[in-house]
Structure formats: structure tokens, C-alpha cells
Amino acid sequence: MAAKICNRKNCKRSVQKMRIRSLLIILTIGLLLVNAICVSALGQTSESIARGDVYFGLMRYRDAIAWYKLDSTKAEAQWKIARAYVCYGDNAVPAEKEYNFRNAVRAANKCIELEETNANGHTWLAAALGNTAMYEGSKTKVRLCTQIKKELNRAIALNPKDDIAYSILGSFYREIGNISWLEKQLAMTFIGKIPDGTYEDSEKAFAKAIALNPTIMRHWYEQGLLYKYWNKNEQAIASFNKAKACPVFVSSDNKRLAAIEVYLKNLQ
């Protein structure tokens, strides 16, 4: 009788141990599954941006934006959305340009909101603001000039190797340098002070951009425009020829190539 009771107790203990083991196995599997899901989610996040980059390289900007938006809580995704909107807007029909440029401003601002120290956010905010300025009145244009310069200076302070920021700064200084002293004085009287900038400042900024990345067509092309404005025709021709030798990186490079042929024909 005692032996039977012991056997029953042993059986109960064995069953309890088996239940405990089963429970532990279930919990372990559950934890492994949770971990696997988390890893998968992280992989998907990074993949979204990577796939967006692929479509950006193919100049399929809408598709790139769609992929970047799958990871819109990341600052990297937001500045890349801004970049894609700027590039798409550059080649959009006139009726769609403003919509894309303003979306670029929103995305760049979101990037900065998420990560103020992200240099690309400031660079592409400057680029987007430069494009939206054409839709604004005179006073707003002057205010945007000040903000654009501020964003570019911030981008360069955060990343001194940001060639795009230097290139945009070169274009900014060139356009400011093209405004006469009288026009600046009149502007100051009626609409506000225009930021300082000269052709010499522009030349230095383009030289820096080219030194950092000599394969970007925009840098050489914009430098060519500077020398054309400056009546330095030989240097303009040299810059335009350098631009022609660069690979097409964004769709607007195709427009640059067409413009270069016209400029070279007129300069030679």
C-alpha cells in the first residue's frame, strides 16, 4: 500500500515536472519568436531605406519616396524623402513643381525635428526653400535668403565634408553677387536686407564642393554659370566641359547636359 502511494506521488511529481518543462519550452519559444519578429522588423526598416536608395538611383523618385515613407520615423528617411521631392520637382510639369518642393520642405523640417544634428536635413531644407522661394513675394524671398544661408552654414558646421551644401552655397553667393549695389540698397529700404555674398565667395564654395566630390555634375555646371556671369569665358568653358564628363546622377543632370551644349556654342 505504501509503495502504491509513493508511486502515485512520484507520478504526480513527474507530471508536474513535465508540465513545468513544457511551460518553460513554450516560454522559450515565445521569447525566441518575439526576438525573431523584432530582428525582422529592424531588417525591414533598413531594407525600406535601402530599397528607396535603389529607386532613387534609378531616378524613380515616386517609388523611392514610397519606400522611404515606410520608415518615416527615422531622420535618414525624412531627408531622403526631401531630396527625392526636390529631384522630382526639378523635372515635374510646372503645375506640380510647387507641390513637390513644399513637400520637400516639410520632410526636411521633420528630419531636423527628429535629429537636429543631421547635416543632410539642413542641406536639403536649404535646397527645398530655394525652390519654393520663386512662389513667394519679395519680402518672403528676402527672409528665405537669410534662412537658406543659415541652414547651409549649419549643415557645413555639422559636416564639413558636405559637398552638396557647399555647392548650394556657391549658387547662393553667385545669385547674391549678381545683384547690384543699388538694387541691394533699394531692397533694404523696401523689403529688407539681403545677405552678403560675392562672386569670390561663390568661387571658393564651388572649389570646396569640387574638391570634396569632383564627380558631381552640378558642382562643375554651377561653377560654369558663375564664370559665365563673371565674363570669365575660358574658365566657364573649362567648367562646362568638366561637367559634361561627369556621370548622370539625378534626372536634372540631363537638362544640364542640354544647357551646356547651348552655353558652349555661345561661348566659343
Protein backbone atom coordinates (compact mmCIF):
# COMPACT_ATOMS: atom_id res chain seq x y z
CA MET A 1 0.00 0.00 0.00
CA ALA A 2 2.78 2.41 0.95
CA ALA A 3 4.56 1.53 -2.30
CA LYS A 4 1.43 2.43 -4.29
CA ILE A 5 1.12 5.80 -2.52
CA CYS A 6 4.78 6.54 -3.28
CA ASN A 7 4.28 5.59 -6.89
CA ARG A 8 1.29 7.93 -7.10
CA LYS A 9 3.30 10.74 -5.54
CA ASN A 10 6.18 10.06 -7.92
CA CYS A 11 3.78 10.10 -10.87
CA LYS A 12 2.29 13.42 -9.75
CA ARG A 13 5.77 14.86 -9.36
CA SER A 14 6.75 13.57 -12.79
CA VAL A 15 3.63 15.08 -14.34
CA GLN A 16 4.29 18.41 -12.60
CA LYS A 17 7.90 18.38 -13.79
CA MET A 18 6.76 17.64 -17.33
CA ARG A 19 4.25 20.48 -17.17
CA ILE A 20 6.90 22.85 -15.86
CA ARG A 21 9.30 21.77 -18.61
CA SER A 22 6.57 22.20 -21.24
CA LEU A 23 5.77 25.64 -19.90
CA LEU A 24 9.46 26.61 -19.97
CA ILE A 25 9.77 25.32 -23.54
CA ILE A 26 6.70 27.33 -24.59
CA LEU A 27 8.06 30.47 -22.91
CA THR A 28 11.46 29.97 -24.53
CA ILE A 29 9.90 29.50 -27.96
CA GLY A 30 7.75 32.56 -27.37
CA LEU A 31 10.77 34.68 -26.46
CA LEU A 32 12.63 33.40 -29.50
CA LEU A 33 9.68 34.27 -31.72
CA VAL A 34 9.45 37.77 -30.24
CA ASN A 35 13.16 38.23 -30.80
CA ALA A 36 12.87 36.97 -34.36
CA ILE A 37 9.99 39.36 -35.06
CA CYS A 38 11.98 42.29 -33.65
CA VAL A 39 15.02 41.40 -35.73
CA SER A 40 12.81 41.00 -38.78
CA ALA A 41 11.23 44.40 -38.15
CA LEU A 42 14.64 46.03 -37.84
CA GLY A 43 15.77 44.32 -41.02
CA GLN A 44 12.64 45.53 -42.82
CA THR A 45 13.26 49.09 -41.60
CA SER A 46 16.74 49.18 -43.01
CA GLU A 47 15.59 47.43 -46.15
CA SER A 48 12.97 50.12 -46.75
CA ILE A 49 15.60 52.84 -46.91
CA ALA A 50 17.96 50.63 -48.92
CA ARG A 51 15.23 49.91 -51.47
CA GLY A 52 14.38 53.59 -51.59
CA ASP A 53 18.02 54.28 -52.40
CA VAL A 54 17.88 51.80 -55.27
CA TYR A 55 14.85 53.51 -56.79
CA PHE A 56 16.45 56.92 -56.23
CA GLY A 57 19.50 55.74 -58.18
CA LEU A 58 17.13 54.63 -60.97
CA MET A 59 15.60 58.15 -60.87
CA ARG A 60 12.21 56.67 -59.99
CA TYR A 61 11.58 59.29 -57.35
CA ARG A 62 7.96 58.47 -56.54
CA ASP A 63 8.87 54.86 -55.86
CA ALA A 64 11.83 55.99 -53.75
CA ILE A 65 9.56 58.23 -51.68
CA ALA A 66 7.08 55.39 -51.15
CA TRP A 67 9.82 53.14 -49.75
CA TYR A 68 11.33 55.86 -47.58
CA LYS A 69 7.91 56.60 -46.10
CA LEU A 70 7.76 53.03 -44.75
CA ASP A 71 10.48 54.13 -42.33
CA SER A 72 9.32 57.70 -41.79
CA THR A 73 10.19 57.77 -38.07
CA LYS A 74 13.89 57.93 -38.99
CA ALA A 75 15.68 61.19 -39.75
CA GLU A 76 17.58 59.49 -42.58
CA ALA A 77 14.35 58.56 -44.31
CA GLN A 78 12.99 62.09 -43.98
CA TRP A 79 15.97 63.89 -45.55
CA LYS A 80 15.98 61.34 -48.34
CA ILE A 81 12.26 61.99 -48.88
CA ALA A 82 13.10 65.72 -49.09
CA ARG A 83 15.88 65.03 -51.59
CA ALA A 84 13.60 62.87 -53.75
CA TYR A 85 10.86 65.53 -53.75
CA VAL A 86 13.37 68.18 -54.83
CA CYS A 87 14.66 65.96 -57.63
CA TYR A 88 11.14 65.03 -58.74
CA GLY A 89 10.05 68.68 -58.60
CA ASP A 90 13.01 69.73 -60.77
CA ASN A 91 11.59 67.71 -63.66
CA ALA A 92 7.87 67.85 -62.91
CA VAL A 93 5.43 69.76 -65.11
CA PRO A 94 5.00 73.38 -63.93
CA ALA A 95 1.67 72.67 -62.24
CA GLU A 96 3.27 70.02 -59.99
CA LYS A 97 6.55 71.71 -59.08
CA GLU A 98 5.40 73.78 -56.10
CA TYR A 99 3.60 70.79 -54.54
CA ASN A 100 6.77 68.69 -54.63
CA PHE A 101 9.05 71.45 -53.36
CA ARG A 102 6.74 72.23 -50.43
CA ASN A 103 6.62 68.54 -49.55
CA ALA A 104 10.41 68.60 -49.58
CA VAL A 105 10.37 71.48 -47.07
CA ARG A 106 8.05 69.50 -44.78
CA ALA A 107 10.18 66.36 -44.94
CA ALA A 108 13.43 68.26 -44.28
CA ASN A 109 11.85 70.05 -41.31
CA LYS A 110 10.68 66.68 -40.00
CA CYS A 111 14.23 65.33 -40.28
CA ILE A 112 15.55 68.24 -38.24
CA GLU A 113 12.75 67.79 -35.71
CA LEU A 114 13.76 64.15 -35.29
CA GLU A 115 17.51 64.82 -35.29
CA GLU A 116 18.66 68.44 -35.27
CA THR A 117 22.30 67.42 -35.74
CA ASN A 118 21.59 65.69 -39.06
CA ALA A 119 23.54 67.78 -41.58
CA ASN A 120 21.62 66.38 -44.55
CA GLY A 121 18.37 67.66 -43.10
CA HIS A 122 19.70 71.22 -43.11
CA THR A 123 21.23 70.85 -46.59
CA TRP A 124 18.03 69.64 -48.18
CA LEU A 125 15.92 72.15 -46.28
CA ALA A 126 18.06 74.86 -47.88
CA ALA A 127 17.61 73.24 -51.30
CA ALA A 128 13.85 72.95 -50.83
CA LEU A 129 13.49 76.53 -49.59
CA GLY A 130 15.49 77.79 -52.56
CA ASN A 131 12.97 76.16 -54.86
CA THR A 132 9.86 77.37 -53.01
CA ALA A 133 11.17 80.97 -52.96
CA MET A 134 10.04 81.51 -56.55
CA TYR A 135 6.43 81.16 -55.39
CA GLU A 136 6.74 83.80 -52.67
CA GLY A 137 6.51 87.59 -52.53
CA SER A 138 9.56 89.87 -52.30
CA LYS A 139 9.63 90.19 -48.51
CA THR A 140 9.32 86.43 -48.02
CA LYS A 141 12.08 85.86 -50.59
CA VAL A 142 14.45 88.04 -48.55
CA ARG A 143 13.52 86.20 -45.36
CA LEU A 144 14.10 82.87 -47.09
CA CYS A 145 17.53 84.04 -48.30
CA THR A 146 18.54 84.57 -44.69
CA GLN A 147 17.17 81.18 -43.65
CA ILE A 148 18.80 79.37 -46.57
CA LYS A 149 22.21 80.75 -45.65
CA LYS A 150 21.62 79.84 -42.01
CA GLU A 151 20.70 76.24 -42.93
CA LEU A 152 23.76 75.85 -45.17
CA ASN A 153 26.09 77.22 -42.52
CA ARG A 154 24.57 74.80 -40.00
CA ALA A 155 24.95 71.87 -42.40
CA ILE A 156 28.62 72.68 -43.02
CA ALA A 157 29.27 73.15 -39.29
CA LEU A 158 27.81 69.68 -38.66
CA ASN A 159 29.56 68.07 -41.63
CA PRO A 160 32.49 69.99 -43.16
CA LYS A 161 32.62 67.37 -45.94
CA ASP A 162 29.09 68.07 -47.20
CA ASP A 163 29.83 68.85 -50.85
CA ILE A 164 26.15 69.42 -51.67
CA ALA A 165 25.89 72.14 -49.02
CA TYR A 166 28.99 73.89 -50.43
CA SER A 167 27.59 73.62 -53.96
CA ILE A 168 24.26 75.18 -52.98
CA LEU A 169 26.15 77.87 -51.05
CA GLY A 170 28.14 78.60 -54.21
CA SER A 171 24.91 79.08 -56.18
CA PHE A 172 23.53 81.24 -53.38
CA TYR A 173 26.56 83.55 -53.34
CA ARG A 174 26.57 83.75 -57.15
CA GLU A 175 22.97 84.96 -57.27
CA ILE A 176 23.56 87.43 -54.43
CA GLY A 177 26.70 88.65 -56.20
CA ASN A 178 24.67 89.25 -59.35
CA ILE A 179 22.55 91.85 -57.54
CA SER A 180 23.89 95.37 -57.97
CA TRP A 181 24.70 97.67 -55.04
CA LEU A 182 21.77 99.94 -55.99
CA GLU A 183 19.34 97.04 -56.09
CA LYS A 184 20.54 95.92 -52.65
CA GLN A 185 20.03 99.41 -51.25
CA LEU A 186 16.54 99.62 -52.70
CA ALA A 187 15.74 96.18 -51.33
CA MET A 188 16.94 97.21 -47.87
CA THR A 189 14.66 100.24 -47.98
CA PHE A 190 11.51 98.46 -49.09
CA ILE A 191 11.72 94.74 -48.35
CA GLY A 192 14.66 94.06 -46.02
CA LYS A 193 18.40 93.41 -46.00
CA ILE A 194 19.72 90.88 -48.49
CA PRO A 195 22.52 88.66 -47.10
CA ASP A 196 26.07 89.42 -48.18
CA GLY A 197 27.73 87.41 -50.92
CA THR A 198 30.14 87.93 -53.82
CA TYR A 199 31.41 86.10 -56.88
CA GLU A 200 34.62 85.47 -54.96
CA ASP A 201 32.64 83.80 -52.18
CA SER A 202 30.84 81.71 -54.78
CA GLU A 203 34.11 80.65 -56.41
CA LYS A 204 35.52 79.48 -53.08
CA ALA A 205 32.38 77.49 -52.25
CA PHE A 206 32.36 75.73 -55.63
CA ALA A 207 36.07 74.97 -55.35
CA LYS A 208 35.40 73.33 -51.98
CA ALA A 209 32.45 71.31 -53.32
CA ILE A 210 34.53 70.08 -56.29
CA ALA A 211 37.48 69.19 -54.07
CA LEU A 212 35.17 67.08 -51.90
CA ASN A 213 33.40 65.36 -54.78
CA PRO A 214 34.62 66.08 -58.34
CA THR A 215 32.22 63.56 -59.94
CA ILE A 216 29.03 65.55 -59.31
CA MET A 217 27.90 67.33 -62.46
CA ARG A 218 26.04 70.06 -60.59
CA HIS A 219 29.21 71.40 -58.96
CA TRP A 220 31.00 71.95 -62.28
CA TYR A 221 27.87 73.18 -64.06
CA GLU A 222 27.06 75.79 -61.42
CA GLN A 223 30.69 76.88 -61.38
CA GLY A 224 30.46 77.29 -65.15
CA LEU A 225 27.43 79.57 -64.70
CA LEU A 226 29.41 81.64 -62.19
CA TYR A 227 32.25 82.20 -64.66
CA LYS A 228 29.74 82.97 -67.41
CA TYR A 229 28.11 85.66 -65.23
CA TRP A 230 31.60 86.92 -64.37
CA ASN A 231 32.59 87.14 -68.05
CA LYS A 232 35.42 84.67 -67.50
CA ASN A 233 34.61 82.74 -70.64
CA GLU A 234 37.64 80.45 -70.79
CA GLN A 235 37.06 79.27 -67.25
CA ALA A 236 33.35 78.86 -67.96
CA ILE A 237 34.13 76.64 -70.95
CA ALA A 238 36.54 74.55 -68.88
CA SER A 239 33.95 74.07 -66.12
CA PHE A 240 31.18 73.14 -68.57
CA ASN A 241 33.44 70.60 -70.25
CA LYS A 242 34.24 69.10 -66.86
CA ALA A 243 30.52 68.90 -66.14
CA LYS A 244 29.94 67.04 -69.42
CA ALA A 245 32.41 64.37 -68.35
CA CYS A 246 30.53 63.61 -65.13
CA PRO A 247 28.03 60.75 -64.82
CA VAL A 248 24.29 61.45 -64.76
CA PHE A 249 23.35 61.07 -61.11
CA VAL A 250 19.92 62.75 -60.96
CA SER A 251 17.39 63.38 -63.71
CA SER A 252 18.07 67.14 -63.75
CA ASP A 253 21.60 66.32 -64.95
CA ASN A 254 20.06 65.56 -68.36
CA LYS A 255 18.73 69.13 -68.51
CA ARG A 256 22.17 70.39 -67.52
CA LEU A 257 23.77 68.49 -70.38
CA ALA A 258 21.37 70.07 -72.86
CA ALA A 259 22.02 73.54 -71.41
CA ILE A 260 25.79 73.01 -71.51
CA GLU A 261 25.71 72.43 -75.27
CA VAL A 262 23.94 75.76 -75.75
CA TYR A 263 26.34 77.62 -73.45
CA LEU A 264 29.42 76.14 -75.08
CA LYS A 265 28.14 77.05 -78.54
CA ASN A 266 27.59 80.66 -77.46
CA LEU A 267 30.87 80.96 -75.58
CA GLN A 268 33.15 79.58 -78.28
